[in-house]
PDB file of N, CA and C in Angstrom:
ATOM      1  N   ALA A   1      94.827 182.703 123.336  1.00  0.00           N
ATOM      2  CA  ALA A   1      93.597 182.828 122.926  1.00  0.00           C
ATOM      3  C   ALA A   1      92.432 181.871 121.889  1.00  0.00           C
ATOM      4  N   LEU A   2      93.266 180.783 120.916  1.00  0.00           N
ATOM      5  CA  LEU A   2      92.845 179.786 120.388  1.00  0.00           C
ATOM      6  C   LEU A   2      92.543 178.736 121.724  1.00  0.00           C
ATOM      7  N   ASP A   3      93.378 178.736 122.732  1.00  0.00           N
ATOM      8  CA  ASP A   3      93.605 177.797 123.851  1.00  0.00           C
ATOM      9  C   ASP A   3      92.566 177.839 124.802  1.00  0.00           C
ATOM     10  N   MET A   4      91.934 179.045 124.998  1.00  0.00           N
ATOM     11  CA  MET A   4      90.763 179.068 126.113  1.00  0.00           C
ATOM     12  C   MET A   4      89.210 178.751 124.917  1.00  0.00           C
ATOM     13  N   GLY A   5      89.792 179.092 123.606  1.00  0.00           N
ATOM     14  CA  GLY A   5      88.188 179.001 123.004  1.00  0.00           C
ATOM     15  C   GLY A   5      87.833 178.283 122.909  1.00  0.00           C
ATOM     16  N   CYS A   6      88.925 176.865 122.892  1.00  0.00           N
ATOM     17  CA  CYS A   6      89.051 175.520 122.899  1.00  0.00           C
ATOM     18  C   CYS A   6      87.703 175.040 124.377  1.00  0.00           C
ATOM     19  N   TRP A   7      88.708 175.384 124.979  1.00  0.00           N
ATOM     20  CA  TRP A   7      88.639 175.584 126.764  1.00  0.00           C
ATOM     21  C   TRP A   7      86.822 175.985 126.666  1.00  0.00           C
ATOM     22  N   ASP A   8      86.682 176.389 126.122  1.00  0.00           N
ATOM     23  CA  ASP A   8      84.848 177.368 125.951  1.00  0.00           C
ATOM     24  C   ASP A   8      83.618 176.346 125.540  1.00  0.00           C
ATOM     25  N   LEU A   9      84.709 176.597 124.412  1.00  0.00           N
ATOM     26  CA  LEU A   9      83.507 175.558 123.850  1.00  0.00           C
ATOM     27  C   LEU A   9      83.242 173.894 124.210  1.00  0.00           C
ATOM     28  N   ALA A  10      84.134 173.588 124.733  1.00  0.00           N
ATOM     29  CA  ALA A  10      84.174 172.552 125.431  1.00  0.00           C
ATOM     30  C   ALA A  10      83.303 172.510 126.531  1.00  0.00           C
ATOM     31  N   ALA A  11      83.215 173.666 126.863  1.00  0.00           N
ATOM     32  CA  ALA A  11      82.785 173.720 128.915  1.00  0.00           C
ATOM     33  C   ALA A  11      81.334 174.146 127.908  1.00  0.00           C
ATOM     34  N   ARG A  12      81.107 174.660 126.914  1.00  0.00           N
ATOM     35  CA  ARG A  12      79.844 175.170 126.201  1.00  0.00           C
ATOM     36  C   ARG A  12      78.823 173.519 126.301  1.00  0.00           C
ATOM     37  N   ALA A  13      80.232 172.572 125.317  1.00  0.00           N
ATOM     38  CA  ALA A  13      79.049 171.036 124.808  1.00  0.00           C
ATOM     39  C   ALA A  13      78.554 170.776 125.915  1.00  0.00           C
ATOM     40  N   ALA A  14      79.018 170.571 127.024  1.00  0.00           N
ATOM     41  CA  ALA A  14      78.992 169.651 128.226  1.00  0.00           C
ATOM     42  C   ALA A  14      78.501 170.374 128.742  1.00  0.00           C
ATOM     43  N   ASP A  15      77.382 171.434 128.835  1.00  0.00           N
ATOM     44  CA  ASP A  15      76.975 172.215 129.379  1.00  0.00           C
ATOM     45  C   ASP A  15      77.524 172.594 130.859  1.00  0.00           C
ATOM     46  N   VAL A  16      78.228 173.130 131.251  1.00  0.00           N
ATOM     47  CA  VAL A  16      79.261 173.314 132.833  1.00  0.00           C
ATOM     48  C   VAL A  16      79.462 174.637 132.558  1.00  0.00           C
ATOM     49  N   PRO A  17      80.036 175.194 133.801  1.00  0.00           N
ATOM     50  CA  PRO A  17      80.675 176.240 133.176  1.00  0.00           C
ATOM     51  C   PRO A  17      82.166 176.409 133.169  1.00  0.00           C
ATOM     52  N   LEU A  18      82.381 177.663 132.932  1.00  0.00           N
ATOM     53  CA  LEU A  18      83.896 177.273 132.343  1.00  0.00           C
ATOM     54  C   LEU A  18      84.775 176.878 133.216  1.00  0.00           C
ATOM     55  N   VAL A  19      84.805 177.799 134.805  1.00  0.00           N
ATOM     56  CA  VAL A  19      85.778 177.549 135.421  1.00  0.00           C
ATOM     57  C   VAL A  19      85.446 175.807 136.364  1.00  0.00           C
ATOM     58  N   THR A  20      84.421 175.542 136.093  1.00  0.00           N
ATOM     59  CA  THR A  20      84.413 173.752 136.417  1.00  0.00           C
ATOM     60  C   THR A  20      85.498 172.783 135.578  1.00  0.00           C
ATOM     61  N   MET A  21      85.393 173.090 134.462  1.00  0.00           N
ATOM     62  CA  MET A  21      85.981 172.418 133.091  1.00  0.00           C
ATOM     63  C   MET A  21      87.204 172.792 133.872  1.00  0.00           C
ATOM     64  N   LEU A  22      87.728 174.098 133.854  1.00  0.00           N
ATOM     65  CA  LEU A  22      88.991 174.319 134.276  1.00  0.00           C
ATOM     66  C   LEU A  22      89.940 173.752 135.640  1.00  0.00           C
ATOM     67  N   GLY A  23      88.831 173.019 136.446  1.00  0.00           N
ATOM     68  CA  GLY A  23      88.802 172.916 138.071  1.00  0.00           C
ATOM     69  C   GLY A  23      88.850 173.318 138.926  1.00  0.00           C
ATOM     70  N   GLY A  24      88.167 174.047 138.953  1.00  0.00           N
ATOM     71  CA  GLY A  24      86.800 174.402 140.001  1.00  0.00           C
ATOM     72  C   GLY A  24      87.747 175.898 140.518  1.00  0.00           C
ATOM     73  N   ARG A  25      86.842 176.600 141.053  1.00  0.00           N
ATOM     74  CA  ARG A  25      87.726 178.059 141.734  1.00  0.00           C
ATOM     75  C   ARG A  25      88.749 177.063 143.172  1.00  0.00           C
ATOM     76  N   GLU A  26      89.957 178.610 143.158  1.00  0.00           N
ATOM     77  CA  GLU A  26      90.352 178.160 144.208  1.00  0.00           C
ATOM     78  C   GLU A  26      89.781 179.307 145.699  1.00  0.00           C
ATOM     79  N   SER A  27      89.305 179.844 145.554  1.00  0.00           N
ATOM     80  CA  SER A  27      88.558 181.253 145.835  1.00  0.00           C
ATOM     81  C   SER A  27      87.764 181.664 145.611  1.00  0.00           C
ATOM     82  N   GLU A  28      86.952 182.261 146.959  1.00  0.00           N
ATOM     83  CA  GLU A  28      85.705 183.325 146.072  1.00  0.00           C
ATOM     84  C   GLU A  28      86.414 184.951 146.027  1.00  0.00           C
ATOM     85  N   THR A  29      87.382 184.962 146.823  1.00  0.00           N
ATOM     86  CA  THR A  29      88.121 186.575 146.168  1.00  0.00           C
ATOM     87  C   THR A  29      89.529 186.385 145.430  1.00  0.00           C
ATOM     88  N   ALA A  30      89.939 187.686 145.353  1.00  0.00           N
ATOM     89  CA  ALA A  30      91.318 187.456 144.579  1.00  0.00           C
ATOM     90  C   ALA A  30      91.790 188.690 145.484  1.00  0.00           C
ATOM     91  N   GLU A  31      92.746 188.284 145.299  1.00  0.00           N
ATOM     92  CA  GLU A  31      94.052 189.020 146.557  1.00  0.00           C
ATOM     93  C   GLU A  31      94.394 190.301 145.417  1.00  0.00           C
ATOM     94  N   LEU A  32      94.755 191.858 145.169  1.00  0.00           N
ATOM     95  CA  LEU A  32      95.265 192.776 144.281  1.00  0.00           C
ATOM     96  C   LEU A  32      95.725 192.833 145.146  1.00  0.00           C
ATOM     97  N   TYR A  33      96.965 193.705 144.797  1.00  0.00           N
ATOM     98  CA  TYR A  33      98.244 194.579 144.714  1.00  0.00           C
ATOM     99  C   TYR A  33      98.471 196.094 144.192  1.00  0.00           C
ATOM    100  N   LYS A  34      98.915 197.215 144.639  1.00  0.00           N
ATOM    101  CA  LYS A  34      99.045 198.072 144.342  1.00  0.00           C
ATOM    102  C   LYS A  34     100.437 198.326 144.337  1.00  0.00           C
ATOM    103  N   VAL A  35     100.920 199.591 143.350  1.00  0.00           N
ATOM    104  CA  VAL A  35     102.328 199.298 142.456  1.00  0.00           C
ATOM    105  C   VAL A  35     102.722 200.765 143.872  1.00  0.00           C
ATOM    106  N   VAL A  36     104.407 200.861 144.173  1.00  0.00           N
ATOM    107  CA  VAL A  36     104.660 201.521 145.147  1.00  0.00           C
ATOM    108  C   VAL A  36     106.141 202.019 143.849  1.00  0.00           C
ATOM    109  N   THR A  37     105.878 203.074 143.424  1.00  0.00           N
ATOM    110  CA  THR A  37     106.875 203.503 141.591  1.00  0.00           C
ATOM    111  C   THR A  37     107.913 204.837 142.451  1.00  0.00           C
ATOM    112  N   HIS A  38     108.960 203.929 141.172  1.00  0.00           N
ATOM    113  CA  HIS A  38     110.357 205.340 141.618  1.00  0.00           C
ATOM    114  C   HIS A  38     109.946 206.449 142.317  1.00  0.00           C
ATOM    115  N   ALA A  39     110.597 206.554 142.953  1.00  0.00           N
ATOM    116  CA  ALA A  39     110.788 207.955 143.795  1.00  0.00           C
ATOM    117  C   ALA A  39     112.080 208.399 144.897  1.00  0.00           C
ATOM    118  N   THR A  40     111.801 209.157 145.411  1.00  0.00           N
ATOM    119  CA  THR A  40     112.579 209.019 146.438  1.00  0.00           C
ATOM    120  C   THR A  40     112.417 207.814 147.927  1.00  0.00           C
ATOM    121  N   VAL A  41     113.053 207.542 148.909  1.00  0.00           N
ATOM    122  CA  VAL A  41     112.863 206.528 150.014  1.00  0.00           C
ATOM    123  C   VAL A  41     111.883 207.321 150.651  1.00  0.00           C
ATOM    124  N   ASP A  42     111.638 208.024 151.081  1.00  0.00           N
ATOM    125  CA  ASP A  42     110.950 209.339 151.927  1.00  0.00           C
ATOM    126  C   ASP A  42     108.747 209.690 151.187  1.00  0.00           C
ATOM    127  N   GLN A  43     109.967 209.488 149.614  1.00  0.00           N
ATOM    128  CA  GLN A  43     108.371 209.710 148.665  1.00  0.00           C
ATOM    129  C   GLN A  43     107.080 208.008 148.890  1.00  0.00           C
ATOM    130  N   MET A  44     107.994 207.658 148.512  1.00  0.00           N
ATOM    131  CA  MET A  44     108.011 205.744 148.864  1.00  0.00           C
ATOM    132  C   MET A  44     108.030 205.346 150.006  1.00  0.00           C
ATOM    133  N   ALA A  45     107.983 205.829 151.085  1.00  0.00           N
ATOM    134  CA  ALA A  45     107.567 205.297 152.170  1.00  0.00           C
ATOM    135  C   ALA A  45     105.990 205.939 152.721  1.00  0.00           C
ATOM    136  N   ALA A  46     106.148 207.487 151.980  1.00  0.00           N
ATOM    137  CA  ALA A  46     104.561 207.997 152.288  1.00  0.00           C
ATOM    138  C   ALA A  46     104.114 207.365 151.545  1.00  0.00           C
ATOM    139  N   LEU A  47     104.291 206.981 150.516  1.00  0.00           N
ATOM    140  CA  LEU A  47     102.696 206.355 149.000  1.00  0.00           C
ATOM    141  C   LEU A  47     103.155 204.836 149.597  1.00  0.00           C
ATOM    142  N   ALA A  48     104.120 203.975 150.439  1.00  0.00           N
ATOM    143  CA  ALA A  48     103.414 202.891 150.654  1.00  0.00           C
ATOM    144  C   ALA A  48     102.442 203.154 151.912  1.00  0.00           C
ATOM    145  N   LYS A  49     102.454 203.773 152.938  1.00  0.00           N
ATOM    146  CA  LYS A  49     101.819 203.643 154.185  1.00  0.00           C
ATOM    147  C   LYS A  49     100.259 204.273 153.529  1.00  0.00           C
ATOM    148  N   LYS A  50      99.764 205.113 152.104  1.00  0.00           N
ATOM    149  CA  LYS A  50      99.331 205.968 151.994  1.00  0.00           C
ATOM    150  C   LYS A  50      98.030 204.686 151.297  1.00  0.00           C
ATOM    151  N   ILE A  51      98.738 203.600 150.555  1.00  0.00           N
ATOM    152  CA  ILE A  51      98.040 202.271 150.260  1.00  0.00           C
ATOM    153  C   ILE A  51      97.638 201.179 150.917  1.00  0.00           C
ATOM    154  N   VAL A  52      98.616 201.355 152.072  1.00  0.00           N
ATOM    155  CA  VAL A  52      98.130 199.834 153.104  1.00  0.00           C
ATOM    156  C   VAL A  52      96.783 200.941 153.928  1.00  0.00           C
ATOM    157  N   ALA A  53      96.671 202.162 154.068  1.00  0.00           N
ATOM    158  CA  ALA A  53      95.447 202.766 154.837  1.00  0.00           C
ATOM    159  C   ALA A  53      94.045 202.479 153.884  1.00  0.00           C
ATOM    160  N   GLU A  54      94.403 202.429 152.537  1.00  0.00           N
ATOM    161  CA  GLU A  54      93.562 202.145 151.584  1.00  0.00           C
ATOM    162  C   GLU A  54      92.716 200.762 152.142  1.00  0.00           C
ATOM    163  N   GLY A  55      93.675 200.078 152.596  1.00  0.00           N
ATOM    164  CA  GLY A  55      93.522 198.704 152.503  1.00  0.00           C
ATOM    165  C   GLY A  55      94.473 197.382 152.241  1.00  0.00           C
ATOM    166  N   TYR A  56      94.575 197.475 151.336  1.00  0.00           N
ATOM    167  CA  TYR A  56      95.991 196.835 150.545  1.00  0.00           C
ATOM    168  C   TYR A  56      96.921 196.157 152.039  1.00  0.00           C
ATOM    169  N   HIS A  57      97.075 194.823 151.465  1.00  0.00           N
ATOM    170  CA  HIS A  57      97.648 193.891 152.191  1.00  0.00           C
ATOM    171  C   HIS A  57      99.025 193.964 151.479  1.00  0.00           C
ATOM    172  N   ARG A  58      99.229 194.160 150.080  1.00  0.00           N
ATOM    173  CA  ARG A  58      99.987 193.800 148.730  1.00  0.00           C
ATOM    174  C   ARG A  58     100.535 193.845 148.519  1.00  0.00           C
ATOM    175  N   LEU A  59     101.700 194.926 148.215  1.00  0.00           N
ATOM    176  CA  LEU A  59     102.561 196.029 147.210  1.00  0.00           C
ATOM    177  C   LEU A  59     103.610 195.434 146.731  1.00  0.00           C
ATOM    178  N   GLN A  60     103.736 196.157 145.574  1.00  0.00           N
ATOM    179  CA  GLN A  60     104.532 195.937 144.346  1.00  0.00           C
ATOM    180  C   GLN A  60     106.134 197.077 144.529  1.00  0.00           C
ATOM    181  N   VAL A  61     106.951 196.665 144.922  1.00  0.00           N
ATOM    182  CA  VAL A  61     108.175 198.130 144.682  1.00  0.00           C
ATOM    183  C   VAL A  61     108.589 197.767 144.288  1.00  0.00           C
ATOM    184  N   LYS A  62     109.040 199.254 144.132  1.00  0.00           N
ATOM    185  CA  LYS A  62     110.472 199.280 142.294  1.00  0.00           C
ATOM    186  C   LYS A  62     111.271 200.149 142.773  1.00  0.00           C
ATOM    187  N   VAL A  63     112.207 199.015 142.423  1.00  0.00           N
ATOM    188  CA  VAL A  63     113.240 199.718 142.880  1.00  0.00           C
ATOM    189  C   VAL A  63     114.464 199.956 141.358  1.00  0.00           C
ATOM    190  N   GLY A  64     115.025 200.706 141.818  1.00  0.00           N
ATOM    191  CA  GLY A  64     116.692 200.896 140.796  1.00  0.00           C
ATOM    192  C   GLY A  64     115.379 201.110 139.391  1.00  0.00           C
ATOM    193  N   GLY A  65     116.069 202.179 138.484  1.00  0.00           N
ATOM    194  CA  GLY A  65     115.854 202.030 137.130  1.00  0.00           C
ATOM    195  C   GLY A  65     116.628 202.157 136.397  1.00  0.00           C
ATOM    196  N   ASN A  66     117.533 201.207 135.952  1.00  0.00           N
ATOM    197  CA  ASN A  66     118.596 200.182 135.689  1.00  0.00           C
ATOM    198  C   ASN A  66     119.012 199.113 135.766  1.00  0.00           C
ATOM    199  N   VAL A  67     118.704 198.303 135.291  1.00  0.00           N
ATOM    200  CA  VAL A  67     119.491 196.933 135.249  1.00  0.00           C
ATOM    201  C   VAL A  67     120.416 196.924 135.785  1.00  0.00           C
ATOM    202  N   ARG A  68     121.340 197.589 135.537  1.00  0.00           N
ATOM    203  CA  ARG A  68     123.344 197.789 135.405  1.00  0.00           C
ATOM    204  C   ARG A  68     123.460 198.682 136.975  1.00  0.00           C
ATOM    205  N   ASP A  69     122.748 199.327 137.279  1.00  0.00           N
ATOM    206  CA  ASP A  69     122.571 199.731 138.820  1.00  0.00           C
ATOM    207  C   ASP A  69     122.104 198.875 139.938  1.00  0.00           C
ATOM    208  N   ASP A  70     121.482 198.629 139.650  1.00  0.00           N
ATOM    209  CA  ASP A  70     120.684 197.273 140.088  1.00  0.00           C
ATOM    210  C   ASP A  70     121.582 196.132 140.817  1.00  0.00           C
TER     211      ASP A  70
END
């Protein structure tokens, strides 16, 4: 938090947007993802299809619930 506060102060002192001080925008949009949670295979497949139908292009699929089992 202190680091970002310093960057913010520097940007204000230079009268430039913080994003410019940090190197500029890489994109005008941000890619979002939705999580497919632990469930049966069929439930997870149905949820993934629903998420894709909502317009998401990225999914995070949670597999396993126990590190030892994974």
